[in-house]
Amino acid sequence: MKTNDTTRTSLERTTMRRAATGDGEALRTLVAEHGQALFGQALRLLPTREEAEDALQDAMLHAMRYAHQYDERRSSLRTWLTRIVYTTCLRHIERRPVAQVVSLDGLPDVSETTLDEAFSTGNEERIAHLMQAMEQLTDEERTLLALRYEEERPLTEVASLFATTPDALYQRLHRIRKRLYHLIIQLEHEDHEL
């Protein structure tokens, strides 16, 4: 197993050296090896396929331009590319109008167990309300949830992408989930009043 890791790291190092010289074949190798996963990430972060394609293209060109800065001792190539795609997607998101942020002031605290139960239901009405509530989150909040819960990225990796600590990220995710929970409860209450 260690030999496979060493071989992969050696191949990645060679590809990145070639990329640093502007070798187009190196870009094709990077896209062939990592493109599908990186496109999936961009697609989860951005609202349209076209925007995700544009962001991925921008990210890969950025990776080529800065290939000389890649250091395999600091992160794997996949993590380095993921960070570039994430940052590029954030730039695309920043160009769009900002969503209104809802305050958590005055909302009762909710345990992780209650949140897990609320979000793990197969109830179609609850899922519809979850989707409505998600629209009220900021793009960054939706991105955090997608990386952590849809892609199931480790907390430490997501924290690294957001330049924060795992503890701070955990607290932020809890606040986002708490807000989602209260939005869902509010939507359910509104539906039942009708």
Protein backbone atom coordinates (compact mmCIF):
# COMPACT_ATOMS: atom_id res chain seq x y z
CA MET A 1 0.00 0.00 0.00
CA LYS A 2 2.84 2.38 0.88
CA THR A 3 4.42 1.69 -2.54
CA ASN A 4 1.20 2.72 -4.32
CA ASP A 5 1.13 5.98 -2.33
CA THR A 6 4.79 6.62 -3.14
CA THR A 7 4.24 5.86 -6.83
CA ARG A 8 1.16 8.14 -6.95
CA THR A 9 3.05 10.95 -5.20
CA SER A 10 5.95 10.56 -7.63
CA LEU A 11 3.60 10.69 -10.64
CA GLU A 12 1.82 13.73 -9.21
CA ARG A 13 5.16 15.46 -8.61
CA THR A 14 6.20 14.79 -12.21
CA THR A 15 2.86 16.02 -13.55
CA MET A 16 3.10 19.20 -11.49
CA ARG A 17 6.66 19.87 -12.67
CA ARG A 18 5.45 19.55 -16.25
CA ALA A 19 2.44 21.76 -15.48
CA ALA A 20 4.76 24.42 -14.07
CA THR A 21 6.45 24.63 -17.49
CA GLY A 22 3.09 25.11 -19.24
CA ASP A 23 2.89 21.56 -20.62
CA GLY A 24 -0.66 21.15 -21.99
CA GLU A 25 -0.44 17.38 -21.61
CA ALA A 26 0.06 17.86 -17.87
CA LEU A 27 -3.21 19.82 -17.75
CA ARG A 28 -4.99 17.01 -19.59
CA THR A 29 -3.53 14.52 -17.10
CA LEU A 30 -4.77 16.59 -14.15
CA VAL A 31 -8.24 16.89 -15.69
CA ALA A 32 -8.38 13.17 -16.50
CA GLU A 33 -7.31 12.21 -12.98
CA HIS A 34 -9.20 14.78 -10.89
CA GLY A 35 -11.64 16.56 -13.21
CA GLN A 36 -14.75 14.53 -12.49
CA ALA A 37 -14.50 14.84 -8.71
CA LEU A 38 -13.61 18.53 -8.93
CA PHE A 39 -16.50 19.19 -11.32
CA GLY A 40 -18.84 17.45 -8.88
CA GLN A 41 -17.60 19.75 -6.15
CA ALA A 42 -18.13 22.85 -8.32
CA LEU A 43 -21.58 21.63 -9.32
CA ARG A 44 -22.61 21.29 -5.66
CA LEU A 45 -21.33 24.76 -4.87
CA LEU A 46 -22.74 26.64 -7.84
CA PRO A 47 -26.33 26.83 -9.09
CA THR A 48 -25.86 25.89 -12.75
CA ARG A 49 -23.86 23.39 -14.76
CA GLU A 50 -22.49 26.19 -16.95
CA GLU A 51 -21.24 28.16 -13.97
CA ALA A 52 -19.62 25.01 -12.53
CA GLU A 53 -17.90 24.34 -15.88
CA ASP A 54 -16.62 27.92 -16.03
CA ALA A 55 -15.36 27.77 -12.46
CA LEU A 56 -13.61 24.43 -13.03
CA GLN A 57 -11.93 25.77 -16.15
CA ASP A 58 -10.78 28.88 -14.27
CA ALA A 59 -9.55 26.70 -11.40
CA MET A 60 -7.56 24.36 -13.64
CA LEU A 61 -5.92 27.31 -15.41
CA HIS A 62 -5.06 28.75 -12.00
CA ALA A 63 -3.57 25.39 -10.98
CA MET A 64 -1.42 25.39 -14.12
CA ARG A 65 -0.31 28.98 -13.52
CA TYR A 66 0.65 28.25 -9.90
CA ALA A 67 1.79 24.63 -10.27
CA HIS A 68 5.27 25.67 -9.14
CA GLN A 69 3.79 26.50 -5.70
CA TYR A 70 2.40 23.02 -5.09
CA ASP A 71 4.16 21.29 -2.18
CA GLU A 72 3.26 17.64 -1.59
CA ARG A 73 4.59 17.89 1.97
CA ARG A 74 1.80 20.34 2.85
CA SER A 75 -1.14 18.55 1.20
CA SER A 76 -2.09 15.94 -1.33
CA LEU A 77 -2.59 17.10 -4.91
CA ARG A 78 -6.33 16.40 -4.61
CA THR A 79 -6.59 18.63 -1.52
CA TRP A 80 -4.59 21.39 -3.22
CA LEU A 81 -6.82 21.25 -6.31
CA THR A 82 -9.96 21.09 -4.15
CA ARG A 83 -8.87 24.27 -2.39
CA ILE A 84 -8.36 26.02 -5.73
CA VAL A 85 -11.79 24.90 -7.01
CA TYR A 86 -13.42 25.95 -3.75
CA THR A 87 -11.79 29.40 -3.85
CA THR A 88 -12.72 29.85 -7.51
CA CYS A 89 -16.33 28.88 -6.78
CA LEU A 90 -16.41 31.40 -3.92
CA ARG A 91 -15.29 34.11 -6.34
CA HIS A 92 -18.15 33.15 -8.66
CA ILE A 93 -20.58 33.17 -5.72
CA GLU A 94 -19.37 36.60 -4.56
CA ARG A 95 -20.45 38.06 -7.89
CA ARG A 96 -24.09 37.21 -7.14
CA PRO A 97 -26.52 39.11 -4.89
CA VAL A 98 -26.20 38.42 -1.15
CA ALA A 99 -28.96 36.46 0.61
CA GLN A 100 -30.61 37.99 3.67
CA VAL A 101 -29.21 36.51 6.88
CA VAL A 102 -31.71 35.43 9.54
CA SER A 103 -30.70 36.03 13.16
CA LEU A 104 -30.55 33.20 15.70
CA ASP A 105 -31.16 35.59 18.59
CA GLY A 106 -34.02 34.41 20.75
CA LEU A 107 -34.23 30.92 19.24
CA PRO A 108 -34.11 28.08 21.76
CA ASP A 109 -31.07 25.81 21.67
CA VAL A 110 -31.45 22.49 19.88
CA SER A 111 -29.39 19.37 20.62
CA GLU A 112 -27.35 17.59 17.96
CA THR A 113 -29.56 14.52 18.46
CA THR A 114 -32.71 16.53 17.70
CA LEU A 115 -31.04 18.04 14.63
CA ASP A 116 -29.88 14.63 13.39
CA GLU A 117 -33.37 13.20 13.80
CA ALA A 118 -34.97 16.18 12.07
CA PHE A 119 -32.68 15.98 9.05
CA SER A 120 -32.66 12.19 8.67
CA THR A 121 -36.39 11.77 8.15
CA GLY A 122 -37.72 10.34 4.89
CA ASN A 123 -40.87 12.46 5.24
CA GLU A 124 -41.51 14.15 1.86
CA GLU A 125 -43.08 17.21 3.48
CA ARG A 126 -40.05 17.64 5.75
CA ILE A 127 -37.70 17.26 2.78
CA ALA A 128 -39.66 19.91 0.83
CA HIS A 129 -39.43 22.25 3.81
CA LEU A 130 -35.70 21.54 4.13
CA MET A 131 -35.20 22.52 0.48
CA GLN A 132 -37.17 25.76 1.06
CA ALA A 133 -35.17 26.51 4.20
CA MET A 134 -31.87 25.86 2.36
CA GLU A 135 -32.76 28.66 -0.07
CA GLN A 136 -32.72 31.08 2.86
CA LEU A 137 -29.09 30.25 3.73
CA THR A 138 -26.15 32.15 2.33
CA ASP A 139 -24.14 30.57 -0.46
CA GLU A 140 -21.25 29.98 1.93
CA GLU A 141 -23.52 28.23 4.44
CA ARG A 142 -24.90 25.94 1.72
CA THR A 143 -21.32 25.25 0.62
CA LEU A 144 -20.30 24.30 4.16
CA LEU A 145 -23.25 21.91 4.48
CA ALA A 146 -22.58 20.39 1.06
CA LEU A 147 -18.91 19.73 1.76
CA ARG A 148 -19.49 18.30 5.24
CA TYR A 149 -22.75 16.38 4.86
CA GLU A 150 -23.22 15.65 1.13
CA GLU A 151 -19.59 15.01 0.24
CA GLU A 152 -18.86 13.75 3.77
CA ARG A 153 -15.53 15.54 3.86
CA PRO A 154 -13.66 15.27 7.18
CA LEU A 155 -14.19 18.21 9.52
CA THR A 156 -10.46 18.98 9.47
CA GLU A 157 -10.40 19.18 5.67
CA VAL A 158 -13.45 21.46 5.48
CA ALA A 159 -11.97 23.64 8.23
CA SER A 160 -8.75 23.90 6.23
CA LEU A 161 -10.69 24.96 3.12
CA PHE A 162 -12.38 27.72 5.13
CA ALA A 163 -9.16 28.74 6.92
CA THR A 164 -10.63 28.02 10.37
CA THR A 165 -10.24 25.48 13.14
CA PRO A 166 -12.28 22.27 13.31
CA ASP A 167 -13.82 23.45 16.63
CA ALA A 168 -14.91 26.78 15.16
CA LEU A 169 -16.29 25.02 12.09
CA TYR A 170 -18.19 22.53 14.25
CA GLN A 171 -19.83 25.42 16.11
CA ARG A 172 -20.67 27.19 12.87
CA LEU A 173 -22.21 24.05 11.39
CA HIS A 174 -24.28 23.61 14.54
CA ARG A 175 -25.58 27.19 14.24
CA ILE A 176 -26.45 26.68 10.57
CA ARG A 177 -28.25 23.41 11.31
CA LYS A 178 -30.06 25.04 14.23
CA ARG A 179 -31.27 27.85 11.96
CA LEU A 180 -32.37 25.32 9.34
CA TYR A 181 -34.29 23.39 11.99
CA HIS A 182 -36.16 26.49 13.15
CA LEU A 183 -36.92 27.52 9.56
CA ILE A 184 -38.34 24.05 8.88
CA ILE A 185 -40.48 24.17 12.02
CA GLN A 186 -41.73 27.61 10.99
CA LEU A 187 -42.59 26.37 7.47
CA GLU A 188 -44.40 23.34 8.87
CA HIS A 189 -46.35 25.55 11.26
CA GLU A 190 -47.34 27.89 8.39
CA ASP A 191 -48.50 24.94 6.28
CA HIS A 192 -50.64 23.55 9.10
CA GLU A 193 -52.28 26.95 9.71
CA LEU A 194 -53.59 26.95 6.13
